[in-house]
Amino acid sequence: TPLQASFQGHRVVTMPPPSGGGATLLQLLKVLEPLNLAAT
């Protein structure tokens, strides 16, 4: 089953472990989403 999360209203679907990539990507998106990167 893929990992999934919402980012900027978009569903993002990616690989679960043993891909450490998918979990780490979603973790980063969740941390960064509330920060106004478009403004900076």
Full PDB file with SEQRES, HELIX, SHEET, SSBOND, CRYST1, ORIGX, SCALE, CONECT and MASTER records, all heavy atoms in Angstrom:
SEQRES   1 A   40  THR PRO LEU GLN ALA SER PHE GLN GLY HIS ARG VAL VAL          
SEQRES   2 A   40  THR MET PRO PRO PRO SER GLY GLY GLY ALA THR LEU LEU          
SEQRES   3 A   40  GLN LEU LEU LYS VAL LEU GLU PRO LEU ASN LEU ALA ALA          
SEQRES   4 A   40  THR                                                          
HELIX    1 AA1 GLY A   20  LEU A   32  1                                  13    
SHEET    1 AA1 2 LEU A   3  PHE A   7  0                                        
SHEET    2 AA1 2 HIS A  10  THR A  14 -1                                        
CRYST1    1.000    1.000    1.000  90.00  90.00  90.00 P 1           1          
ORIGX1      1.000000  0.000000  0.000000        0.00000                         
ORIGX2      0.000000  1.000000  0.000000        0.00000                         
ORIGX3      0.000000  0.000000  1.000000        0.00000                         
SCALE1      1.000000  0.000000  0.000000        0.00000                         
SCALE2      0.000000  1.000000  0.000000        0.00000                         
SCALE3      0.000000  0.000000  1.000000        0.00000                         
ATOM      1  N   THR A   1       0.842  -1.196   0.000  1.00  0.00           N  
ATOM      2  CA  THR A   1       0.000   0.000   0.000  1.00  0.00           C  
ATOM      3  C   THR A   1       0.874   1.241   0.000  1.00  0.00           C  
ATOM      4  O   THR A   1       1.754   1.390   0.862  1.00  0.00           O  
ATOM      5  CB  THR A   1      -0.901   0.021   1.239  1.00  0.00           C  
ATOM      6  OG1 THR A   1      -1.705  -1.159   1.245  1.00  0.00           O  
ATOM      7  CG2 THR A   1      -1.802   1.249   1.241  1.00  0.00           C  
ATOM      8  N   PRO A   2       0.674   2.159  -0.932  1.00  0.00           N  
ATOM      9  CA  PRO A   2       1.501   3.368  -0.946  1.00  0.00           C  
ATOM     10  C   PRO A   2       1.252   4.224   0.287  1.00  0.00           C  
ATOM     11  O   PRO A   2       0.193   4.171   0.919  1.00  0.00           O  
ATOM     12  CB  PRO A   2       1.033   4.108  -2.213  1.00  0.00           C  
ATOM     13  CG  PRO A   2       0.276   3.114  -3.009  1.00  0.00           C  
ATOM     14  CD  PRO A   2      -0.298   2.131  -2.044  1.00  0.00           C  
ATOM     15  N   LEU A   3       2.246   5.006   0.643  1.00  0.00           N  
ATOM     16  CA  LEU A   3       2.043   6.070   1.614  1.00  0.00           C  
ATOM     17  C   LEU A   3       1.383   7.252   0.922  1.00  0.00           C  
ATOM     18  O   LEU A   3       1.594   7.495  -0.275  1.00  0.00           O  
ATOM     19  CB  LEU A   3       3.384   6.526   2.208  1.00  0.00           C  
ATOM     20  CG  LEU A   3       4.180   5.509   3.025  1.00  0.00           C  
ATOM     21  CD1 LEU A   3       5.489   6.142   3.498  1.00  0.00           C  
ATOM     22  CD2 LEU A   3       3.378   4.984   4.198  1.00  0.00           C  
ATOM     23  N   GLN A   4       0.586   8.004   1.659  1.00  0.00           N  
ATOM     24  CA  GLN A   4      -0.044   9.178   1.063  1.00  0.00           C  
ATOM     25  C   GLN A   4      -0.192  10.283   2.092  1.00  0.00           C  
ATOM     26  O   GLN A   4      -0.274  10.035   3.297  1.00  0.00           O  
ATOM     27  CB  GLN A   4      -1.410   8.827   0.474  1.00  0.00           C  
ATOM     28  CG  GLN A   4      -2.404   8.270   1.472  1.00  0.00           C  
ATOM     29  CD  GLN A   4      -3.758   8.036   0.855  1.00  0.00           C  
ATOM     30  OE1 GLN A   4      -4.164   8.730  -0.079  1.00  0.00           O  
ATOM     31  NE2 GLN A   4      -4.490   7.057   1.360  1.00  0.00           N  
ATOM     32  N   ALA A   5      -0.217  11.508   1.596  1.00  0.00           N  
ATOM     33  CA  ALA A   5      -0.443  12.676   2.436  1.00  0.00           C  
ATOM     34  C   ALA A   5      -0.983  13.785   1.539  1.00  0.00           C  
ATOM     35  O   ALA A   5      -0.878  13.726   0.304  1.00  0.00           O  
ATOM     36  CB  ALA A   5       0.839  13.121   3.130  1.00  0.00           C  
ATOM     37  N   SER A   6      -1.561  14.797   2.156  1.00  0.00           N  
ATOM     38  CA  SER A   6      -2.038  15.965   1.419  1.00  0.00           C  
ATOM     39  C   SER A   6      -1.016  17.082   1.543  1.00  0.00           C  
ATOM     40  O   SER A   6      -0.466  17.325   2.624  1.00  0.00           O  
ATOM     41  CB  SER A   6      -3.387  16.424   1.976  1.00  0.00           C  
ATOM     42  OG  SER A   6      -3.815  17.612   1.324  1.00  0.00           O  
ATOM     43  N   PHE A   7      -0.758  17.757   0.417  1.00  0.00           N  
ATOM     44  CA  PHE A   7       0.135  18.910   0.413  1.00  0.00           C  
ATOM     45  C   PHE A   7      -0.429  19.968  -0.513  1.00  0.00           C  
ATOM     46  O   PHE A   7      -0.645  19.714  -1.699  1.00  0.00           O  
ATOM     47  CB  PHE A   7       1.546  18.505  -0.040  1.00  0.00           C  
ATOM     48  CG  PHE A   7       2.515  19.658  -0.098  1.00  0.00           C  
ATOM     49  CD1 PHE A   7       3.045  20.181   1.070  1.00  0.00           C  
ATOM     50  CD2 PHE A   7       2.877  20.229  -1.308  1.00  0.00           C  
ATOM     51  CE1 PHE A   7       3.925  21.253   1.036  1.00  0.00           C  
ATOM     52  CE2 PHE A   7       3.761  21.302  -1.365  1.00  0.00           C  
ATOM     53  CZ  PHE A   7       4.283  21.814  -0.179  1.00  0.00           C  
ATOM     54  N   GLN A   8      -0.694  21.145   0.020  1.00  0.00           N  
ATOM     55  CA  GLN A   8      -1.272  22.248  -0.767  1.00  0.00           C  
ATOM     56  C   GLN A   8      -2.539  21.811  -1.488  1.00  0.00           C  
ATOM     57  O   GLN A   8      -2.801  22.238  -2.620  1.00  0.00           O  
ATOM     58  CB  GLN A   8      -0.234  22.779  -1.779  1.00  0.00           C  
ATOM     59  CG  GLN A   8       1.064  23.259  -1.172  1.00  0.00           C  
ATOM     60  CD  GLN A   8       0.939  24.623  -0.497  1.00  0.00           C  
ATOM     61  OE1 GLN A   8       0.003  25.363  -0.769  1.00  0.00           O  
ATOM     62  NE2 GLN A   8       1.858  24.942   0.388  1.00  0.00           N  
ATOM     63  N   GLY A   9      -3.322  20.931  -0.853  1.00  0.00           N  
ATOM     64  CA  GLY A   9      -4.554  20.445  -1.463  1.00  0.00           C  
ATOM     65  C   GLY A   9      -4.385  19.318  -2.441  1.00  0.00           C  
ATOM     66  O   GLY A   9      -5.368  18.823  -2.980  1.00  0.00           O  
ATOM     67  N   HIS A  10      -3.160  18.878  -2.669  1.00  0.00           N  
ATOM     68  CA  HIS A  10      -2.870  17.802  -3.607  1.00  0.00           C  
ATOM     69  C   HIS A  10      -2.554  16.514  -2.841  1.00  0.00           C  
ATOM     70  O   HIS A  10      -1.765  16.530  -1.895  1.00  0.00           O  
ATOM     71  CB  HIS A  10      -1.665  18.153  -4.481  1.00  0.00           C  
ATOM     72  CG  HIS A  10      -1.876  19.348  -5.361  1.00  0.00           C  
ATOM     73  ND1 HIS A  10      -2.324  19.257  -6.658  1.00  0.00           N  
ATOM     74  CD2 HIS A  10      -1.705  20.672  -5.117  1.00  0.00           C  
ATOM     75  CE1 HIS A  10      -2.412  20.457  -7.182  1.00  0.00           C  
ATOM     76  NE2 HIS A  10      -2.041  21.345  -6.271  1.00  0.00           N  
ATOM     77  N   ARG A  11      -3.156  15.416  -3.272  1.00  0.00           N  
ATOM     78  CA  ARG A  11      -2.776  14.127  -2.714  1.00  0.00           C  
ATOM     79  C   ARG A  11      -1.419  13.723  -3.298  1.00  0.00           C  
ATOM     80  O   ARG A  11      -1.220  13.742  -4.517  1.00  0.00           O  
ATOM     81  CB  ARG A  11      -3.821  13.062  -3.066  1.00  0.00           C  
ATOM     82  CG  ARG A  11      -3.568  11.722  -2.348  1.00  0.00           C  
ATOM     83  CD  ARG A  11      -4.389  10.613  -2.967  1.00  0.00           C  
ATOM     84  NE  ARG A  11      -5.814  10.812  -2.907  1.00  0.00           N  
ATOM     85  CZ  ARG A  11      -6.664  10.115  -2.154  1.00  0.00           C  
ATOM     86  NH1 ARG A  11      -6.196   9.148  -1.388  1.00  0.00           N  
ATOM     87  NH2 ARG A  11      -7.957  10.362  -2.190  1.00  0.00           N  
ATOM     88  N   VAL A  12      -0.494  13.335  -2.417  1.00  0.00           N  
ATOM     89  CA  VAL A  12       0.829  12.866  -2.824  1.00  0.00           C  
ATOM     90  C   VAL A  12       0.933  11.406  -2.429  1.00  0.00           C  
ATOM     91  O   VAL A  12       0.723  11.054  -1.266  1.00  0.00           O  
ATOM     92  CB  VAL A  12       1.961  13.680  -2.153  1.00  0.00           C  
ATOM     93  CG1 VAL A  12       3.335  13.170  -2.589  1.00  0.00           C  
ATOM     94  CG2 VAL A  12       1.807  15.169  -2.492  1.00  0.00           C  
ATOM     95  N   VAL A  13       1.239  10.533  -3.389  1.00  0.00           N  
ATOM     96  CA  VAL A  13       1.299   9.090  -3.182  1.00  0.00           C  
ATOM     97  C   VAL A  13       2.708   8.626  -3.502  1.00  0.00           C  
ATOM     98  O   VAL A  13       3.257   8.958  -4.560  1.00  0.00           O  
ATOM     99  CB  VAL A  13       0.268   8.359  -4.068  1.00  0.00           C  
ATOM    100  CG1 VAL A  13       0.481   6.856  -4.028  1.00  0.00           C  
ATOM    101  CG2 VAL A  13      -1.149   8.705  -3.628  1.00  0.00           C  
ATOM    102  N   THR A  14       3.305   7.839  -2.582  1.00  0.00           N  
ATOM    103  CA  THR A  14       4.706   7.466  -2.766  1.00  0.00           C  
ATOM    104  C   THR A  14       4.980   6.123  -2.102  1.00  0.00           C  
ATOM    105  O   THR A  14       4.084   5.512  -1.533  1.00  0.00           O  
ATOM    106  CB  THR A  14       5.626   8.583  -2.215  1.00  0.00           C  
ATOM    107  OG1 THR A  14       6.984   8.313  -2.552  1.00  0.00           O  
ATOM    108  CG2 THR A  14       5.480   8.729  -0.717  1.00  0.00           C  
ATOM    109  N   MET A  15       6.226   5.662  -2.171  1.00  0.00           N  
ATOM    110  CA  MET A  15       6.594   4.331  -1.699  1.00  0.00           C  
ATOM    111  C   MET A  15       6.725   4.286  -0.179  1.00  0.00           C  
ATOM    112  O   MET A  15       7.273   5.200   0.427  1.00  0.00           O  
ATOM    113  CB  MET A  15       7.933   3.884  -2.294  1.00  0.00           C  
ATOM    114  CG  MET A  15       7.880   3.298  -3.683  1.00  0.00           C  
ATOM    115  SD  MET A  15       6.877   1.821  -3.886  1.00  0.00           S  
ATOM    116  CE  MET A  15       7.589   0.691  -2.697  1.00  0.00           C  
ATOM    117  N   PRO A  16       6.259   3.188   0.428  1.00  0.00           N  
ATOM    118  CA  PRO A  16       6.525   2.950   1.848  1.00  0.00           C  
ATOM    119  C   PRO A  16       7.879   2.271   2.034  1.00  0.00           C  
ATOM    120  O   PRO A  16       8.515   1.872   1.057  1.00  0.00           O  
ATOM    121  CB  PRO A  16       5.382   2.017   2.243  1.00  0.00           C  
ATOM    122  CG  PRO A  16       5.157   1.193   1.000  1.00  0.00           C  
ATOM    123  CD  PRO A  16       5.419   2.136  -0.161  1.00  0.00           C  
ATOM    124  N   PRO A  17       8.333   2.099   3.282  1.00  0.00           N  
ATOM    125  CA  PRO A  17       9.549   1.318   3.521  1.00  0.00           C  
ATOM    126  C   PRO A  17       9.432  -0.093   2.963  1.00  0.00           C  
ATOM    127  O   PRO A  17       8.318  -0.638   2.900  1.00  0.00           O  
ATOM    128  CB  PRO A  17       9.655   1.304   5.052  1.00  0.00           C  
ATOM    129  CG  PRO A  17       8.969   2.565   5.477  1.00  0.00           C  
ATOM    130  CD  PRO A  17       7.818   2.701   4.504  1.00  0.00           C  
ATOM    131  N   PRO A  18      10.572  -0.662   2.511  1.00  0.00           N  
ATOM    132  CA  PRO A  18      11.939  -0.252   2.803  1.00  0.00           C  
ATOM    133  C   PRO A  18      12.456   0.920   1.983  1.00  0.00           C  
ATOM    134  O   PRO A  18      13.660   1.197   2.041  1.00  0.00           O  
ATOM    135  CB  PRO A  18      12.741  -1.520   2.498  1.00  0.00           C  
ATOM    136  CG  PRO A  18      11.986  -2.182   1.401  1.00  0.00           C  
ATOM    137  CD  PRO A  18      10.550  -1.939   1.736  1.00  0.00           C  
ATOM    138  N   SER A  19      11.597   1.588   1.217  1.00  0.00           N  
ATOM    139  CA  SER A  19      11.998   2.891   0.701  1.00  0.00           C  
ATOM    140  C   SER A  19      11.916   3.883   1.854  1.00  0.00           C  
ATOM    141  O   SER A  19      10.819   4.200   2.323  1.00  0.00           O  
ATOM    142  CB  SER A  19      11.080   3.345  -0.437  1.00  0.00           C  
ATOM    143  OG  SER A  19      11.248   4.726  -0.675  1.00  0.00           O  
ATOM    144  N   GLY A  20      13.062   4.353   2.303  1.00  0.00           N  
ATOM    145  CA  GLY A  20      13.039   5.435   3.279  1.00  0.00           C  
ATOM    146  C   GLY A  20      12.713   6.752   2.607  1.00  0.00           C  
ATOM    147  O   GLY A  20      12.441   7.748   3.278  1.00  0.00           O  
ATOM    148  N   GLY A  21      12.724   6.753   1.267  1.00  0.00           N  
ATOM    149  CA  GLY A  21      12.478   7.988   0.536  1.00  0.00           C  
ATOM    150  C   GLY A  21      11.077   8.510   0.694  1.00  0.00           C  
ATOM    151  O   GLY A  21      10.855   9.698   0.933  1.00  0.00           O  
ATOM    152  N   GLY A  22      10.071   7.630   0.550  1.00  0.00           N  
ATOM    153  CA  GLY A  22       8.694   8.087   0.609  1.00  0.00           C  
ATOM    154  C   GLY A  22       8.324   8.677   1.949  1.00  0.00           C  
ATOM    155  O   GLY A  22       7.740   9.770   2.032  1.00  0.00           O  
ATOM    156  N   ALA A  23       8.652   7.968   3.031  1.00  0.00           N  
ATOM    157  CA  ALA A  23       8.322   8.469   4.362  1.00  0.00           C  
ATOM    158  C   ALA A  23       9.037   9.782   4.648  1.00  0.00           C  
ATOM    159  O   ALA A  23       8.448  10.715   5.222  1.00  0.00           O  
ATOM    160  CB  ALA A  23       8.684   7.420   5.408  1.00  0.00           C  
ATOM    161  N   THR A  24      10.307   9.884   4.256  1.00  0.00           N  
ATOM    162  CA  THR A  24      11.065  11.100   4.511  1.00  0.00           C  
ATOM    163  C   THR A  24      10.526  12.262   3.686  1.00  0.00           C  
ATOM    164  O   THR A  24      10.429  13.400   4.172  1.00  0.00           O  
ATOM    165  CB  THR A  24      12.560  10.863   4.224  1.00  0.00           C  
ATOM    166  OG1 THR A  24      12.992   9.707   4.952  1.00  0.00           O  
ATOM    167  CG2 THR A  24      13.394  12.058   4.624  1.00  0.00           C  
ATOM    168  N   LEU A  25      10.134  12.001   2.438  1.00  0.00           N  
ATOM    169  CA  LEU A  25       9.533  13.048   1.599  1.00  0.00           C  
ATOM    170  C   LEU A  25       8.258  13.589   2.233  1.00  0.00           C  
ATOM    171  O   LEU A  25       8.072  14.808   2.350  1.00  0.00           O  
ATOM    172  CB  LEU A  25       9.233  12.489   0.207  1.00  0.00           C  
ATOM    173  CG  LEU A  25       8.432  13.424  -0.713  1.00  0.00           C  
ATOM    174  CD1 LEU A  25       9.263  14.633  -1.108  1.00  0.00           C  
ATOM    175  CD2 LEU A  25       7.940  12.682  -1.948  1.00  0.00           C  
ATOM    176  N   LEU A  26       7.361  12.698   2.650  1.00  0.00           N  
ATOM    177  CA  LEU A  26       6.096  13.155   3.231  1.00  0.00           C  
ATOM    178  C   LEU A  26       6.334  13.892   4.545  1.00  0.00           C  
ATOM    179  O   LEU A  26       5.653  14.882   4.849  1.00  0.00           O  
ATOM    180  CB  LEU A  26       5.157  11.974   3.441  1.00  0.00           C  
ATOM    181  CG  LEU A  26       4.705  11.227   2.176  1.00  0.00           C  
ATOM    182  CD1 LEU A  26       3.631  10.206   2.521  1.00  0.00           C  
ATOM    183  CD2 LEU A  26       4.199  12.185   1.103  1.00  0.00           C  
ATOM    184  N   GLN A  27       7.286  13.433   5.323  1.00  0.00           N  
ATOM    185  CA  GLN A  27       7.618  14.128   6.569  1.00  0.00           C  
ATOM    186  C   GLN A  27       8.074  15.557   6.277  1.00  0.00           C  
ATOM    187  O   GLN A  27       7.646  16.520   6.931  1.00  0.00           O  
ATOM    188  CB  GLN A  27       8.700  13.358   7.319  1.00  0.00           C  
ATOM    189  CG  GLN A  27       9.022  13.916   8.695  1.00  0.00           C  
ATOM    190  CD  GLN A  27      10.090  13.086   9.404  1.00  0.00           C  
ATOM    191  OE1 GLN A  27      10.435  11.996   8.963  1.00  0.00           O  
ATOM    192  NE2 GLN A  27      10.616  13.600  10.494  1.00  0.00           N  
ATOM    193  N   LEU A  28       8.929  15.716   5.272  1.00  0.00           N  
ATOM    194  CA  LEU A  28       9.408  17.050   4.897  1.00  0.00           C  
ATOM    195  C   LEU A  28       8.269  17.942   4.408  1.00  0.00           C  
ATOM    196  O   LEU A  28       8.181  19.121   4.779  1.00  0.00           O  
ATOM    197  CB  LEU A  28      10.491  16.921   3.820  1.00  0.00           C  
ATOM    198  CG  LEU A  28      11.876  16.519   4.325  1.00  0.00           C  
ATOM    199  CD1 LEU A  28      12.759  16.043   3.183  1.00  0.00           C  
ATOM    200  CD2 LEU A  28      12.530  17.693   5.051  1.00  0.00           C  
ATOM    201  N   LEU A  29       7.394  17.387   3.578  1.00  0.00           N  
ATOM    202  CA  LEU A  29       6.269  18.181   3.078  1.00  0.00           C  
ATOM    203  C   LEU A  29       5.386  18.649   4.223  1.00  0.00           C  
ATOM    204  O   LEU A  29       4.917  19.803   4.237  1.00  0.00           O  
ATOM    205  CB  LEU A  29       5.459  17.361   2.069  1.00  0.00           C  
ATOM    206  CG  LEU A  29       6.140  17.070   0.728  1.00  0.00           C  
ATOM    207  CD1 LEU A  29       5.287  16.124  -0.109  1.00  0.00           C  
ATOM    208  CD2 LEU A  29       6.418  18.361  -0.051  1.00  0.00           C  
ATOM    209  N   LYS A  30       5.156  17.786   5.198  1.00  0.00           N  
ATOM    210  CA  LYS A  30       4.309  18.158   6.332  1.00  0.00           C  
ATOM    211  C   LYS A  30       4.960  19.248   7.189  1.00  0.00           C  
ATOM    212  O   LYS A  30       4.282  20.164   7.674  1.00  0.00           O  
ATOM    213  CB  LYS A  30       4.000  16.917   7.178  1.00  0.00           C  
ATOM    214  CG  LYS A  30       2.907  16.029   6.592  1.00  0.00           C  
ATOM    215  CD  LYS A  30       2.623  14.848   7.487  1.00  0.00           C  
ATOM    216  CE  LYS A  30       1.327  14.164   7.091  1.00  0.00           C  
ATOM    217  NZ  LYS A  30       0.140  14.985   7.416  1.00  0.00           N  
ATOM    218  N   VAL A  31       6.253  19.150   7.395  1.00  0.00           N  
ATOM    219  CA  VAL A  31       6.941  20.173   8.177  1.00  0.00           C  
ATOM    220  C   VAL A  31       6.929  21.516   7.452  1.00  0.00           C  
ATOM    221  O   VAL A  31       6.717  22.582   8.062  1.00  0.00           O  
ATOM    222  CB  VAL A  31       8.387  19.724   8.482  1.00  0.00           C  
ATOM    223  CG1 VAL A  31       9.208  20.873   9.072  1.00  0.00           C  
ATOM    224  CG2 VAL A  31       8.385  18.532   9.441  1.00  0.00           C  
ATOM    225  N   LEU A  32       7.126  21.499   6.149  1.00  0.00           N  
ATOM    226  CA  LEU A  32       7.291  22.738   5.381  1.00  0.00           C  
ATOM    227  C   LEU A  32       5.975  23.387   4.953  1.00  0.00           C  
ATOM    228  O   LEU A  32       5.943  24.600   4.699  1.00  0.00           O  
ATOM    229  CB  LEU A  32       8.141  22.465   4.135  1.00  0.00           C  
ATOM    230  CG  LEU A  32       9.597  22.063   4.388  1.00  0.00           C  
ATOM    231  CD1 LEU A  32      10.271  21.621   3.090  1.00  0.00           C  
ATOM    232  CD2 LEU A  32      10.385  23.193   5.036  1.00  0.00           C  
ATOM    233  N   GLU A  33       4.888  22.632   4.889  1.00  0.00           N  
ATOM    234  CA  GLU A  33       3.650  23.163   4.310  1.00  0.00           C  
ATOM    235  C   GLU A  33       3.152  24.445   4.977  1.00  0.00           C  
ATOM    236  O   GLU A  33       2.783  25.405   4.288  1.00  0.00           O  
ATOM    237  CB  GLU A  33       2.554  22.095   4.324  1.00  0.00           C  
ATOM    238  CG  GLU A  33       1.260  22.577   3.663  1.00  0.00           C  
ATOM    239  CD  GLU A  33       0.218  21.471   3.525  1.00  0.00           C  
ATOM    240  OE1 GLU A  33       0.256  20.525   4.345  1.00  0.00           O  
ATOM    241  OE2 GLU A  33      -0.626  21.553   2.624  1.00  0.00           O  
ATOM    242  N   PRO A  34       3.100  24.535   6.319  1.00  0.00           N  
ATOM    243  CA  PRO A  34       2.573  25.778   6.914  1.00  0.00           C  
ATOM    244  C   PRO A  34       3.482  26.982   6.753  1.00  0.00           C  
ATOM    245  O   PRO A  34       3.060  28.120   6.985  1.00  0.00           O  
ATOM    246  CB  PRO A  34       2.420  25.407   8.399  1.00  0.00           C  
ATOM    247  CG  PRO A  34       2.456  23.927   8.451  1.00  0.00           C  
ATOM    248  CD  PRO A  34       3.366  23.518   7.340  1.00  0.00           C  
ATOM    249  N   LEU A  35       4.735  26.784   6.422  1.00  0.00           N  
ATOM    250  CA  LEU A  35       5.675  27.896   6.264  1.00  0.00           C  
ATOM    251  C   LEU A  35       5.471  28.529   4.892  1.00  0.00           C  
ATOM    252  O   LEU A  35       5.303  27.844   3.891  1.00  0.00           O  
ATOM    253  CB  LEU A  35       7.109  27.394   6.414  1.00  0.00           C  
ATOM    254  CG  LEU A  35       7.383  26.596   7.695  1.00  0.00           C  
ATOM    255  CD1 LEU A  35       8.821  26.112   7.720  1.00  0.00           C  
ATOM    256  CD2 LEU A  35       7.056  27.412   8.925  1.00  0.00           C  
ATOM    257  N   ASN A  36       5.517  29.836   4.863  1.00  0.00           N  
ATOM    258  CA  ASN A  36       5.174  30.538   3.624  1.00  0.00           C  
ATOM    259  C   ASN A  36       6.396  30.628   2.714  1.00  0.00           C  
ATOM    260  O   ASN A  36       6.996  31.698   2.551  1.00  0.00           O  
ATOM    261  CB  ASN A  36       4.631  31.933   3.935  1.00  0.00           C  
ATOM    262  CG  ASN A  36       3.826  32.488   2.776  1.00  0.00           C  
ATOM    263  OD1 ASN A  36       3.995  32.069   1.630  1.00  0.00           O  
ATOM    264  ND2 ASN A  36       2.943  33.421   3.072  1.00  0.00           N  
ATOM    265  N   LEU A  37       6.759  29.480   2.115  1.00  0.00           N  
ATOM    266  CA  LEU A  37       7.928  29.463   1.246  1.00  0.00           C  
ATOM    267  C   LEU A  37       7.720  30.280  -0.015  1.00  0.00           C  
ATOM    268  O   LEU A  37       8.679  30.787  -0.606  1.00  0.00           O  
ATOM    269  CB  LEU A  37       8.290  28.016   0.875  1.00  0.00           C  
ATOM    270  CG  LEU A  37       8.626  27.084   2.048  1.00  0.00           C  
ATOM    271  CD1 LEU A  37       9.089  25.731   1.515  1.00  0.00           C  
ATOM    272  CD2 LEU A  37       9.675  27.693   2.962  1.00  0.00           C  
ATOM    273  N   ALA A  38       6.463  30.421  -0.442  1.00  0.00           N  
ATOM    274  CA  ALA A  38       6.197  31.261  -1.614  1.00  0.00           C  
ATOM    275  C   ALA A  38       6.563  32.707  -1.324  1.00  0.00           C  
ATOM    276  O   ALA A  38       7.041  33.433  -2.204  1.00  0.00           O  
ATOM    277  CB  ALA A  38       4.722  31.154  -2.008  1.00  0.00           C  
ATOM    278  N   ALA A  39       6.373  33.144  -0.074  1.00  0.00           N  
ATOM    279  CA  ALA A  39       6.697  34.517   0.287  1.00  0.00           C  
ATOM    280  C   ALA A  39       8.198  34.719   0.439  1.00  0.00           C  
ATOM    281  O   ALA A  39       8.748  35.737   0.011  1.00  0.00           O  
ATOM    282  CB  ALA A  39       5.986  34.897   1.590  1.00  0.00           C  
ATOM    283  N   THR A  40       8.886  33.764   1.070  1.00  0.00           N  
ATOM    284  CA  THR A  40      10.332  33.931   1.208  1.00  0.00           C  
ATOM    285  C   THR A  40      11.054  33.735  -0.115  1.00  0.00           C  
ATOM    286  O   THR A  40      12.166  34.242  -0.293  1.00  0.00           O  
ATOM    287  CB  THR A  40      10.894  32.965   2.265  1.00  0.00           C  
ATOM    288  OG1 THR A  40      10.495  31.627   1.948  1.00  0.00           O  
ATOM    289  CG2 THR A  40      10.367  33.308   3.650  1.00  0.00           C  
TER     290      THR A  40                                                      
MASTER        0    0    0    1    2    0    0    6  289    1    0    4          
END                                                                             
